[in-house]
Amino acid sequence: MIKGLYAAASAMVANLTRQSTISHNIANLDTPGFKQIMVSLDDFIDTSVIFPPGDLNGAANNKYIGNLGLGVDTTPETTNFDQGGLRETGEMLDFAIQGEGFFRVMTPNGERYTRDGRFSRDLDGNLVTIDGYKVLDESGSEINLPDGDVTVASDGTIQVEGVDAGKIGIASFLNPATELSRDLPNTFSANSAPNGEEVGTIEQGYL
């Protein structure tokens, strides 16, 4: 009976974790660049069942019936890095990456990576994310934009009023699921350096 209570309790705890994860995904359904968190349920440890109860190597008439599961556990969280659909906004400083790759941004904790392209100019003219993190160019430097209309080519080259003003850096990873870890809101930290290849194109006016 005690084993049954433990099994029932483990199932409730596991499903509570799963429900919390699903709620988090639903709450961020409209967050640009958000990547879904995946979690599943798996068997906890099991134990051998002997009848009559006793040592398997004991009495000759003891029989091994099988294994009894002792509950349910959640598997480690994984992130689904499949690309979502693009949504047109028409905003000059909204950007989406078509294909693989991540925007490079500088946070208080160092360089991070995101698919959220809701950018703007700060008071100093720096290109920043919606959270105020500075967007980096292909060399890892901040991007400063003078006043004027901004156009961005598919390779990330920026022009302001027809004058070159830098290039948005795109980082790529061979296996984001193992090389990236969820960090700040909608950003990822890297367990290894980007592979150096720019994969994907930038669409201006989309998220």
Protein backbone atom coordinates (compact mmCIF):
# COMPACT_ATOMS: atom_id res chain seq x y z
CA MET A 1 0.00 0.00 0.00
CA ILE A 2 2.84 2.38 0.86
CA LYS A 3 4.40 1.73 -2.53
CA GLY A 4 1.08 2.61 -4.16
CA LEU A 5 0.91 5.92 -2.29
CA TYR A 6 4.45 6.79 -3.35
CA ALA A 7 3.63 5.92 -6.97
CA ALA A 8 0.48 8.08 -6.91
CA ALA A 9 2.35 10.98 -5.31
CA SER A 10 5.16 10.79 -7.88
CA ALA A 11 2.60 10.93 -10.69
CA MET A 12 1.00 14.04 -9.22
CA VAL A 13 4.37 15.79 -8.83
CA ALA A 14 5.45 14.82 -12.36
CA ASN A 15 2.21 16.01 -13.91
CA LEU A 16 2.40 19.26 -11.94
CA THR A 17 5.81 19.90 -13.51
CA ARG A 18 4.47 18.99 -16.95
CA GLN A 19 1.44 21.25 -16.52
CA SER A 20 3.67 24.14 -15.43
CA THR A 21 5.80 23.68 -18.56
CA ILE A 22 2.75 23.58 -20.83
CA SER A 23 1.37 26.73 -19.16
CA HIS A 24 4.70 28.49 -19.72
CA ASN A 25 4.64 27.55 -23.41
CA ILE A 26 1.06 28.77 -23.83
CA ALA A 27 1.82 32.05 -22.04
CA ASN A 28 4.62 32.70 -24.55
CA LEU A 29 2.68 31.61 -27.61
CA ASP A 30 2.84 35.13 -29.09
CA THR A 31 6.37 35.96 -27.91
CA PRO A 32 8.56 36.44 -31.00
CA GLY A 33 11.41 33.97 -31.22
CA PHE A 34 10.24 31.92 -28.23
CA LYS A 35 11.29 28.28 -28.32
CA GLN A 36 8.97 25.66 -26.90
CA ILE A 37 10.11 23.69 -23.84
CA MET A 38 9.54 19.95 -24.15
CA VAL A 39 9.15 17.61 -21.18
CA SER A 40 7.83 14.06 -21.03
CA LEU A 41 7.11 11.44 -18.39
CA ASP A 42 9.10 8.28 -17.83
CA ASP A 43 9.07 5.33 -15.44
CA PHE A 44 10.72 5.77 -12.09
CA ILE A 45 12.72 2.85 -10.66
CA ASP A 46 11.00 -0.53 -10.40
CA THR A 47 11.40 -3.46 -8.06
CA SER A 48 11.15 -7.23 -8.40
CA VAL A 49 7.95 -8.93 -7.25
CA ILE A 50 8.36 -12.29 -5.52
CA PHE A 51 5.53 -14.60 -4.44
CA PRO A 52 5.25 -15.56 -1.68
CA PRO A 53 7.04 -12.42 -0.41
CA GLY A 54 10.61 -13.18 0.52
CA ASP A 55 14.08 -13.51 -0.88
CA LEU A 56 14.29 -14.52 -4.54
CA ASN A 57 17.13 -16.86 -3.63
CA GLY A 58 15.27 -18.19 -0.61
CA ALA A 59 12.64 -20.90 -0.56
CA ALA A 60 12.47 -23.12 -3.61
CA ASN A 61 8.78 -22.41 -4.16
CA ASN A 62 9.28 -18.63 -4.38
CA LYS A 63 8.39 -17.40 -7.85
CA TYR A 64 9.54 -14.30 -9.67
CA ILE A 65 6.34 -12.62 -10.89
CA GLY A 66 7.87 -9.61 -12.65
CA ASN A 67 8.74 -6.00 -11.94
CA LEU A 68 6.56 -3.45 -10.19
CA GLY A 69 6.88 0.19 -11.13
CA LEU A 70 7.31 2.62 -8.25
CA GLY A 71 6.02 5.75 -9.94
CA VAL A 72 6.57 8.35 -12.63
CA ASP A 73 9.34 10.88 -13.16
CA THR A 74 9.83 13.77 -15.62
CA THR A 75 12.62 13.63 -18.15
CA PRO A 76 15.07 16.57 -18.36
CA GLU A 77 13.71 19.58 -20.24
CA THR A 78 14.63 19.97 -23.90
CA THR A 79 14.05 22.89 -26.25
CA ASN A 80 12.40 22.63 -29.64
CA PHE A 81 14.47 24.80 -31.98
CA ASP A 82 12.25 24.35 -35.03
CA GLN A 83 11.53 27.65 -36.78
CA GLY A 84 8.15 29.27 -36.29
CA GLY A 85 6.19 31.13 -38.93
CA LEU A 86 7.05 34.72 -39.85
CA ARG A 87 4.61 37.53 -39.05
CA GLU A 88 4.79 40.80 -40.97
CA THR A 89 4.81 43.94 -38.82
CA GLY A 90 6.09 46.56 -41.23
CA GLU A 91 8.21 48.06 -38.44
CA MET A 92 11.59 49.35 -39.61
CA LEU A 93 13.55 47.77 -36.74
CA ASP A 94 11.72 44.45 -36.52
CA PHE A 95 13.82 41.57 -37.86
CA ALA A 96 13.35 37.85 -38.30
CA ILE A 97 15.87 35.20 -39.25
CA GLN A 98 14.68 32.93 -42.04
CA GLY A 99 16.41 29.61 -41.42
CA GLU A 100 18.84 28.71 -38.69
CA GLY A 101 20.94 31.15 -36.72
CA PHE A 102 20.60 33.53 -33.79
CA PHE A 103 21.03 37.24 -33.19
CA ARG A 104 24.06 38.05 -31.05
CA VAL A 105 23.34 40.34 -28.09
CA MET A 106 25.37 41.62 -25.16
CA THR A 107 23.80 41.25 -21.71
CA PRO A 108 25.12 41.99 -18.20
CA ASN A 109 26.10 38.30 -18.07
CA GLY A 110 27.99 38.35 -21.36
CA GLU A 111 27.13 37.49 -24.95
CA ARG A 112 23.85 35.70 -25.46
CA TYR A 113 21.80 34.48 -28.43
CA THR A 114 18.17 35.06 -29.33
CA ARG A 115 15.63 34.74 -32.14
CA ASP A 116 13.63 37.71 -30.85
CA GLY A 117 14.18 40.52 -33.35
CA ARG A 118 12.14 43.31 -31.72
CA PHE A 119 14.86 45.96 -31.91
CA SER A 120 14.97 49.71 -31.39
CA ARG A 121 17.43 52.60 -30.98
CA ASP A 122 18.38 53.64 -27.46
CA LEU A 123 19.15 57.23 -26.46
CA ASP A 124 22.74 56.85 -27.71
CA GLY A 125 21.65 55.46 -31.08
CA ASN A 126 22.67 51.88 -30.27
CA LEU A 127 20.60 49.05 -31.73
CA VAL A 128 19.08 47.22 -28.73
CA THR A 129 16.62 44.44 -28.01
CA ILE A 130 13.25 44.91 -26.34
CA ASP A 131 15.02 44.19 -23.03
CA GLY A 132 17.68 46.83 -23.68
CA TYR A 133 20.51 44.42 -24.60
CA LYS A 134 22.82 45.76 -27.29
CA VAL A 135 22.75 43.95 -30.61
CA LEU A 136 26.19 42.92 -31.90
CA ASP A 137 27.63 42.97 -35.39
CA GLU A 138 29.56 40.17 -37.10
CA SER A 139 32.74 41.05 -35.18
CA GLY A 140 31.02 41.21 -31.79
CA SER A 141 30.90 45.02 -31.58
CA GLU A 142 27.90 47.19 -30.74
CA ILE A 143 25.90 48.64 -33.63
CA ASN A 144 25.34 52.40 -33.56
CA LEU A 145 22.80 53.88 -35.95
CA PRO A 146 22.64 57.56 -36.86
CA ASP A 147 19.24 59.18 -37.31
CA GLY A 148 17.42 58.29 -40.50
CA ASP A 149 15.59 55.48 -42.22
CA VAL A 150 17.18 52.08 -41.80
CA THR A 151 17.24 49.33 -44.41
CA VAL A 152 18.72 45.90 -43.84
CA ALA A 153 19.70 43.48 -46.61
CA SER A 154 19.08 39.75 -46.34
CA ASP A 155 22.71 39.19 -45.29
CA GLY A 156 22.32 41.63 -42.38
CA THR A 157 24.07 44.62 -43.98
CA ILE A 158 22.63 47.83 -42.53
CA GLN A 159 22.26 51.12 -44.35
CA VAL A 160 20.98 54.39 -42.89
CA GLU A 161 19.82 56.82 -45.56
CA GLY A 162 21.80 54.77 -48.08
CA VAL A 163 25.07 54.84 -46.09
CA ASP A 164 26.57 51.61 -44.70
CA ALA A 165 26.24 51.41 -40.91
CA GLY A 166 27.39 47.91 -40.06
CA LYS A 167 26.15 44.35 -40.35
CA ILE A 168 23.97 42.41 -37.93
CA GLY A 169 25.81 39.36 -36.66
CA ILE A 170 24.21 35.93 -36.94
CA ALA A 171 25.59 33.07 -34.85
CA SER A 172 24.93 29.45 -35.72
CA PHE A 173 25.45 26.16 -33.92
CA LEU A 174 25.73 22.64 -35.26
CA ASN A 175 23.36 21.30 -32.59
CA PRO A 176 21.53 24.05 -30.66
CA ALA A 177 19.76 21.48 -28.47
CA THR A 178 23.07 20.45 -26.87
CA GLU A 179 25.12 23.62 -27.34
CA LEU A 180 22.63 26.18 -26.02
CA SER A 181 21.06 26.55 -22.58
CA ARG A 182 18.01 28.66 -21.73
CA ASP A 183 19.22 31.72 -19.87
CA LEU A 184 17.63 35.17 -19.54
CA PRO A 185 14.08 35.74 -20.83
CA ASN A 186 14.06 34.51 -24.44
CA THR A 187 17.85 34.30 -24.69
CA PHE A 188 20.31 31.42 -24.63
CA SER A 189 23.86 31.00 -23.39
CA ALA A 190 26.32 28.87 -25.31
CA ASN A 191 28.16 25.85 -23.96
CA SER A 192 30.54 26.11 -26.91
CA ALA A 193 31.56 28.82 -29.36
CA PRO A 194 29.44 29.34 -32.50
CA ASN A 195 30.73 27.39 -35.49
CA GLY A 196 31.50 30.60 -37.37
CA GLU A 197 29.12 29.94 -40.24
CA GLU A 198 26.29 32.41 -40.81
CA VAL A 199 23.19 30.37 -41.54
CA GLY A 200 19.95 32.06 -42.49
CA THR A 201 18.82 35.35 -43.96
CA ILE A 202 17.29 38.41 -42.29
CA GLU A 203 13.82 39.64 -43.12
CA GLN A 204 13.17 43.29 -42.25
CA GLY A 205 9.71 44.20 -41.02
CA TYR A 206 8.97 40.69 -39.78
CA LEU A 207 9.08 38.82 -36.48
